[in-house]
Amino acid sequence: MAEEKYILGIDPGTAFTGYGIIKIIGKTPQLETFGYIELSKIENPYDRLKKIYNRTVQLIESYPVSEFAIEAPFFGKNVQSMLKLGRAQGVAIAAALSKNLAVYEYSPRKIKLAVTGNGNASKEQVAAFLQNTLKFKNMPAKLDATDGLAVAVCHHYQNHYSVKGAAKSWKDFINKNPGRVQK
């Protein structure tokens, strides 16, 4: 019988925080749930943080989550936005730690690369790849939900899915496949 595990992915935001939970059976990811936490209507910034924390804890308690992954904040020019995003990320991490989960962090580029093969993919491209891979019918109203789901899928691919004998670099690929190189 294949081992079953659940991964929660979070895409922190100050207006919308996306989340996704995938169930892994063997090496196959299956969609469990995904959505977003709407924060834009909450004026008090500390109430927004409290909502992120509480919903993250609720998700962890509602599913047998064993692994937690989160998107790292990207570096932008607006320092205030970065601070707010860092706080949103911090409370989601604190929620995971309060439930004794290890935390894994991935850059936006790494997430896009893992899901689509293109580190510069758009939100729409990420969502389309996930829809095809995880076979869900309806796109969510906000793509923050698929962004959270992408974090969970990226974590799965980075840590649980390896191809035996796969090349680690282009140089390694060329060395393992000399007949496939055209000169």
C-alpha atoms as a PDB file:
ATOM      1  CA  MET A   1       0.000   0.000   0.000  1.00  0.00           C
ATOM      2  CA  ALA A   2       1.389   3.391  -1.028  1.00  0.00           C
ATOM      3  CA  GLU A   3       2.193   5.952   1.625  1.00  0.00           C
ATOM      4  CA  GLU A   4      -0.226   8.881   1.850  1.00  0.00           C
ATOM      5  CA  LYS A   5       0.809  12.405   2.863  1.00  0.00           C
ATOM      6  CA  TYR A   6      -0.660  15.886   2.726  1.00  0.00           C
ATOM      7  CA  ILE A   7       1.203  19.080   1.817  1.00  0.00           C
ATOM      8  CA  LEU A   8      -0.131  22.573   2.559  1.00  0.00           C
ATOM      9  CA  GLY A   9       1.170  25.364   0.322  1.00  0.00           C
ATOM     10  CA  ILE A  10       0.688  29.050   1.141  1.00  0.00           C
ATOM     11  CA  ASP A  11       1.129  32.090  -1.093  1.00  0.00           C
ATOM     12  CA  PRO A  12       1.075  34.940   1.443  1.00  0.00           C
ATOM     13  CA  GLY A  13      -0.456  38.264   0.533  1.00  0.00           C
ATOM     14  CA  THR A  14      -1.911  41.306   2.205  1.00  0.00           C
ATOM     15  CA  ALA A  15      -5.103  41.451   0.127  1.00  0.00           C
ATOM     16  CA  PHE A  16      -5.451  37.723  -0.657  1.00  0.00           C
ATOM     17  CA  THR A  17      -3.512  34.794   0.749  1.00  0.00           C
ATOM     18  CA  GLY A  18      -3.716  31.698  -1.417  1.00  0.00           C
ATOM     19  CA  TYR A  19      -3.581  28.144  -0.116  1.00  0.00           C
ATOM     20  CA  GLY A  20      -3.639  24.667  -1.542  1.00  0.00           C
ATOM     21  CA  ILE A  21      -3.511  21.187  -0.068  1.00  0.00           C
ATOM     22  CA  ILE A  22      -2.452  18.203  -2.108  1.00  0.00           C
ATOM     23  CA  LYS A  23      -2.568  14.570  -1.115  1.00  0.00           C
ATOM     24  CA  ILE A  24       0.319  12.410  -2.254  1.00  0.00           C
ATOM     25  CA  ILE A  25      -0.273   8.712  -2.779  1.00  0.00           C
ATOM     26  CA  GLY A  26       3.014   7.088  -3.702  1.00  0.00           C
ATOM     27  CA  LYS A  27       4.469   9.803  -5.942  1.00  0.00           C
ATOM     28  CA  THR A  28       1.187  11.041  -7.434  1.00  0.00           C
ATOM     29  CA  PRO A  29      -0.211  14.410  -6.302  1.00  0.00           C
ATOM     30  CA  GLN A  30      -3.990  14.755  -6.038  1.00  0.00           C
ATOM     31  CA  LEU A  31      -5.936  17.912  -5.331  1.00  0.00           C
ATOM     32  CA  GLU A  32      -7.470  17.938  -1.885  1.00  0.00           C
ATOM     33  CA  THR A  33      -8.555  21.595  -1.599  1.00  0.00           C
ATOM     34  CA  PHE A  34      -7.480  25.091  -2.566  1.00  0.00           C
ATOM     35  CA  GLY A  35      -8.757  28.608  -2.109  1.00  0.00           C
ATOM     36  CA  TYR A  36      -7.840  31.996  -0.775  1.00  0.00           C
ATOM     37  CA  ILE A  37      -8.247  34.055   2.347  1.00  0.00           C
ATOM     38  CA  GLU A  38      -9.800  37.396   1.481  1.00  0.00           C
ATOM     39  CA  LEU A  39      -8.195  40.142   3.517  1.00  0.00           C
ATOM     40  CA  SER A  40      -8.878  43.225   1.405  1.00  0.00           C
ATOM     41  CA  LYS A  41     -12.084  44.096   3.289  1.00  0.00           C
ATOM     42  CA  ILE A  42     -10.385  44.032   6.710  1.00  0.00           C
ATOM     43  CA  GLU A  43      -9.055  47.492   7.536  1.00  0.00           C
ATOM     44  CA  ASN A  44      -6.967  46.745  10.619  1.00  0.00           C
ATOM     45  CA  PRO A  45      -3.656  45.214   9.445  1.00  0.00           C
ATOM     46  CA  TYR A  46      -3.322  43.178  12.656  1.00  0.00           C
ATOM     47  CA  ASP A  47      -6.774  41.670  12.155  1.00  0.00           C
ATOM     48  CA  ARG A  48      -5.609  40.615   8.682  1.00  0.00           C
ATOM     49  CA  LEU A  49      -2.622  38.846  10.226  1.00  0.00           C
ATOM     50  CA  LYS A  50      -4.855  37.175  12.799  1.00  0.00           C
ATOM     51  CA  LYS A  51      -7.117  35.880  10.032  1.00  0.00           C
ATOM     52  CA  ILE A  52      -4.138  34.413   8.126  1.00  0.00           C
ATOM     53  CA  TYR A  53      -2.911  32.716  11.291  1.00  0.00           C
ATOM     54  CA  ASN A  54      -6.329  31.335  12.278  1.00  0.00           C
ATOM     55  CA  ARG A  55      -7.185  30.035   8.797  1.00  0.00           C
ATOM     56  CA  THR A  56      -3.773  28.398   8.428  1.00  0.00           C
ATOM     57  CA  VAL A  57      -4.224  26.617  11.767  1.00  0.00           C
ATOM     58  CA  GLN A  58      -7.750  25.598  10.722  1.00  0.00           C
ATOM     59  CA  LEU A  59      -6.452  24.078   7.465  1.00  0.00           C
ATOM     60  CA  ILE A  60      -3.732  22.165   9.316  1.00  0.00           C
ATOM     61  CA  GLU A  61      -6.271  20.847  11.815  1.00  0.00           C
ATOM     62  CA  SER A  62      -8.843  19.943   9.136  1.00  0.00           C
ATOM     63  CA  TYR A  63      -6.475  17.778   7.073  1.00  0.00           C
ATOM     64  CA  PRO A  64      -3.670  15.456   8.174  1.00  0.00           C
ATOM     65  CA  VAL A  65      -1.035  17.927   6.926  1.00  0.00           C
ATOM     66  CA  SER A  66       2.492  16.641   7.414  1.00  0.00           C
ATOM     67  CA  GLU A  67       4.439  19.178   5.340  1.00  0.00           C
ATOM     68  CA  PHE A  68       4.156  22.961   5.022  1.00  0.00           C
ATOM     69  CA  ALA A  69       5.578  25.043   2.168  1.00  0.00           C
ATOM     70  CA  ILE A  70       5.399  28.785   1.651  1.00  0.00           C
ATOM     71  CA  GLU A  71       6.384  31.266  -1.035  1.00  0.00           C
ATOM     72  CA  ALA A  72       9.301  33.489  -0.056  1.00  0.00           C
ATOM     73  CA  PRO A  73       8.745  37.204  -0.478  1.00  0.00           C
ATOM     74  CA  PHE A  74      10.275  38.598  -3.637  1.00  0.00           C
ATOM     75  CA  PHE A  75      12.464  41.658  -3.394  1.00  0.00           C
ATOM     76  CA  GLY A  76      10.740  44.780  -4.635  1.00  0.00           C
ATOM     77  CA  LYS A  77      11.349  48.472  -4.531  1.00  0.00           C
ATOM     78  CA  ASN A  78       8.540  49.305  -2.093  1.00  0.00           C
ATOM     79  CA  VAL A  79       9.910  48.649   1.401  1.00  0.00           C
ATOM     80  CA  GLN A  80       6.498  49.079   3.088  1.00  0.00           C
ATOM     81  CA  SER A  81       4.933  46.437   0.840  1.00  0.00           C
ATOM     82  CA  MET A  82       7.827  44.085   1.578  1.00  0.00           C
ATOM     83  CA  LEU A  83       7.365  44.538   5.330  1.00  0.00           C
ATOM     84  CA  LYS A  84       3.628  43.845   5.103  1.00  0.00           C
ATOM     85  CA  LEU A  85       4.219  40.757   2.970  1.00  0.00           C
ATOM     86  CA  GLY A  86       6.880  39.550   5.391  1.00  0.00           C
ATOM     87  CA  ARG A  87       4.417  39.842   8.264  1.00  0.00           C
ATOM     88  CA  ALA A  88       1.802  37.839   6.356  1.00  0.00           C
ATOM     89  CA  GLN A  89       4.412  35.176   5.658  1.00  0.00           C
ATOM     90  CA  GLY A  90       5.555  35.240   9.287  1.00  0.00           C
ATOM     91  CA  VAL A  91       2.136  34.553  10.790  1.00  0.00           C
ATOM     92  CA  ALA A  92       1.502  31.676   8.368  1.00  0.00           C
ATOM     93  CA  ILE A  93       4.888  30.210   9.338  1.00  0.00           C
ATOM     94  CA  ALA A  94       4.079  30.712  13.025  1.00  0.00           C
ATOM     95  CA  ALA A  95       0.805  28.816  12.527  1.00  0.00           C
ATOM     96  CA  ALA A  96       2.695  25.889  10.964  1.00  0.00           C
ATOM     97  CA  LEU A  97       5.315  25.910  13.698  1.00  0.00           C
ATOM     98  CA  SER A  98       2.598  25.965  16.369  1.00  0.00           C
ATOM     99  CA  LYS A  99       1.442  22.621  14.925  1.00  0.00           C
ATOM    100  CA  ASN A 100       5.014  21.241  14.888  1.00  0.00           C
ATOM    101  CA  LEU A 101       5.365  21.264  11.105  1.00  0.00           C
ATOM    102  CA  ALA A 102       8.702  21.842   9.415  1.00  0.00           C
ATOM    103  CA  VAL A 103       8.661  24.867   7.121  1.00  0.00           C
ATOM    104  CA  TYR A 104       9.949  24.852   3.541  1.00  0.00           C
ATOM    105  CA  GLU A 105      10.341  28.082   1.592  1.00  0.00           C
ATOM    106  CA  TYR A 106      10.544  28.568  -2.179  1.00  0.00           C
ATOM    107  CA  SER A 107      11.155  31.616  -4.341  1.00  0.00           C
ATOM    108  CA  PRO A 108       8.417  32.639  -6.800  1.00  0.00           C
ATOM    109  CA  ARG A 109      10.736  31.779  -9.696  1.00  0.00           C
ATOM    110  CA  LYS A 110      11.495  28.291  -8.347  1.00  0.00           C
ATOM    111  CA  ILE A 111       7.767  27.602  -7.892  1.00  0.00           C
ATOM    112  CA  LYS A 112       6.936  28.663 -11.456  1.00  0.00           C
ATOM    113  CA  LEU A 113       9.865  26.658 -12.812  1.00  0.00           C
ATOM    114  CA  ALA A 114       8.823  23.519 -10.908  1.00  0.00           C
ATOM    115  CA  VAL A 115       5.192  23.728 -12.042  1.00  0.00           C
ATOM    116  CA  THR A 116       5.507  24.980 -15.630  1.00  0.00           C
ATOM    117  CA  GLY A 117       9.155  24.561 -16.590  1.00  0.00           C
ATOM    118  CA  ASN A 118       9.365  28.346 -17.030  1.00  0.00           C
ATOM    119  CA  GLY A 119      10.560  30.532 -14.139  1.00  0.00           C
ATOM    120  CA  ASN A 120       8.924  33.573 -15.746  1.00  0.00           C
ATOM    121  CA  ALA A 121       5.471  32.015 -16.244  1.00  0.00           C
ATOM    122  CA  SER A 122       2.394  34.156 -15.636  1.00  0.00           C
ATOM    123  CA  LYS A 123      -0.241  33.415 -12.977  1.00  0.00           C
ATOM    124  CA  GLU A 124      -2.520  32.258 -15.771  1.00  0.00           C
ATOM    125  CA  GLN A 125       0.077  29.809 -17.115  1.00  0.00           C
ATOM    126  CA  VAL A 126       0.675  28.374 -13.626  1.00  0.00           C
ATOM    127  CA  ALA A 127      -3.085  27.976 -13.115  1.00  0.00           C
ATOM    128  CA  ALA A 128      -3.523  26.241 -16.503  1.00  0.00           C
ATOM    129  CA  PHE A 129      -0.695  23.777 -15.800  1.00  0.00           C
ATOM    130  CA  LEU A 130      -2.161  22.967 -12.395  1.00  0.00           C
ATOM    131  CA  GLN A 131      -5.647  22.549 -13.844  1.00  0.00           C
ATOM    132  CA  ASN A 132      -4.258  20.076 -16.372  1.00  0.00           C
ATOM    133  CA  THR A 133      -2.082  18.219 -13.859  1.00  0.00           C
ATOM    134  CA  LEU A 134      -4.557  18.023 -10.977  1.00  0.00           C
ATOM    135  CA  LYS A 135      -7.701  17.745 -13.139  1.00  0.00           C
ATOM    136  CA  PHE A 136      -9.945  20.367 -11.555  1.00  0.00           C
ATOM    137  CA  LYS A 137     -12.764  21.830 -13.620  1.00  0.00           C
ATOM    138  CA  ASN A 138     -13.346  25.395 -12.471  1.00  0.00           C
ATOM    139  CA  MET A 139     -10.744  28.091 -12.052  1.00  0.00           C
ATOM    140  CA  PRO A 140     -11.002  29.994  -8.769  1.00  0.00           C
ATOM    141  CA  ALA A 141     -12.170  33.617  -8.730  1.00  0.00           C
ATOM    142  CA  LYS A 142      -8.681  34.689  -7.622  1.00  0.00           C
ATOM    143  CA  LEU A 143      -5.540  33.056  -8.958  1.00  0.00           C
ATOM    144  CA  ASP A 144      -3.956  33.487  -5.524  1.00  0.00           C
ATOM    145  CA  ALA A 145      -5.615  30.113  -4.848  1.00  0.00           C
ATOM    146  CA  THR A 146      -3.713  28.386  -7.659  1.00  0.00           C
ATOM    147  CA  ASP A 147      -0.549  30.194  -6.528  1.00  0.00           C
ATOM    148  CA  GLY A 148      -0.918  28.574  -3.089  1.00  0.00           C
ATOM    149  CA  LEU A 149      -1.546  25.236  -4.758  1.00  0.00           C
ATOM    150  CA  ALA A 150       1.585  25.750  -6.879  1.00  0.00           C
ATOM    151  CA  VAL A 151       3.673  26.107  -3.706  1.00  0.00           C
ATOM    152  CA  ALA A 152       2.490  22.685  -2.490  1.00  0.00           C
ATOM    153  CA  VAL A 153       3.120  21.083  -5.897  1.00  0.00           C
ATOM    154  CA  CYS A 154       6.580  22.667  -6.102  1.00  0.00           C
ATOM    155  CA  HIS A 155       7.434  21.264  -2.673  1.00  0.00           C
ATOM    156  CA  HIS A 156       6.320  17.816  -3.754  1.00  0.00           C
ATOM    157  CA  TYR A 157       8.397  17.949  -6.939  1.00  0.00           C
ATOM    158  CA  GLN A 158      11.464  19.333  -5.164  1.00  0.00           C
ATOM    159  CA  ASN A 159      11.484  16.833  -2.329  1.00  0.00           C
ATOM    160  CA  HIS A 160       9.582  13.721  -3.263  1.00  0.00           C
ATOM    161  CA  TYR A 161       9.776  13.218  -6.967  1.00  0.00           C
ATOM    162  CA  SER A 162      13.022  12.224  -8.525  1.00  0.00           C
ATOM    163  CA  VAL A 163      13.728  10.364 -11.701  1.00  0.00           C
ATOM    164  CA  LYS A 164      16.275   7.589 -11.258  1.00  0.00           C
ATOM    165  CA  GLY A 165      19.397   8.410 -13.209  1.00  0.00           C
ATOM    166  CA  ALA A 166      18.163  11.884 -14.192  1.00  0.00           C
ATOM    167  CA  ALA A 167      20.804  14.390 -15.220  1.00  0.00           C
ATOM    168  CA  LYS A 168      21.676  16.967 -12.564  1.00  0.00           C
ATOM    169  CA  SER A 169      22.888  19.546 -15.100  1.00  0.00           C
ATOM    170  CA  TRP A 170      23.305  20.053 -18.859  1.00  0.00           C
ATOM    171  CA  LYS A 171      26.899  18.842 -18.602  1.00  0.00           C
ATOM    172  CA  ASP A 172      25.708  15.685 -16.829  1.00  0.00           C
ATOM    173  CA  PHE A 173      22.988  15.173 -19.486  1.00  0.00           C
ATOM    174  CA  ILE A 174      25.540  15.450 -22.322  1.00  0.00           C
ATOM    175  CA  ASN A 175      27.862  12.999 -20.581  1.00  0.00           C
ATOM    176  CA  LYS A 176      25.017  10.487 -20.122  1.00  0.00           C
ATOM    177  CA  ASN A 177      23.601  10.981 -23.645  1.00  0.00           C
ATOM    178  CA  PRO A 178      26.486  11.579 -26.085  1.00  0.00           C
ATOM    179  CA  GLY A 179      24.467  10.221 -29.045  1.00  0.00           C
ATOM    180  CA  ARG A 180      21.776  12.881 -28.612  1.00  0.00           C
ATOM    181  CA  VAL A 181      24.119  15.839 -29.045  1.00  0.00           C
ATOM    182  CA  GLN A 182      24.394  17.326 -32.533  1.00  0.00           C
ATOM    183  CA  LYS A 183      27.655  18.958 -33.520  1.00  0.00           C
END
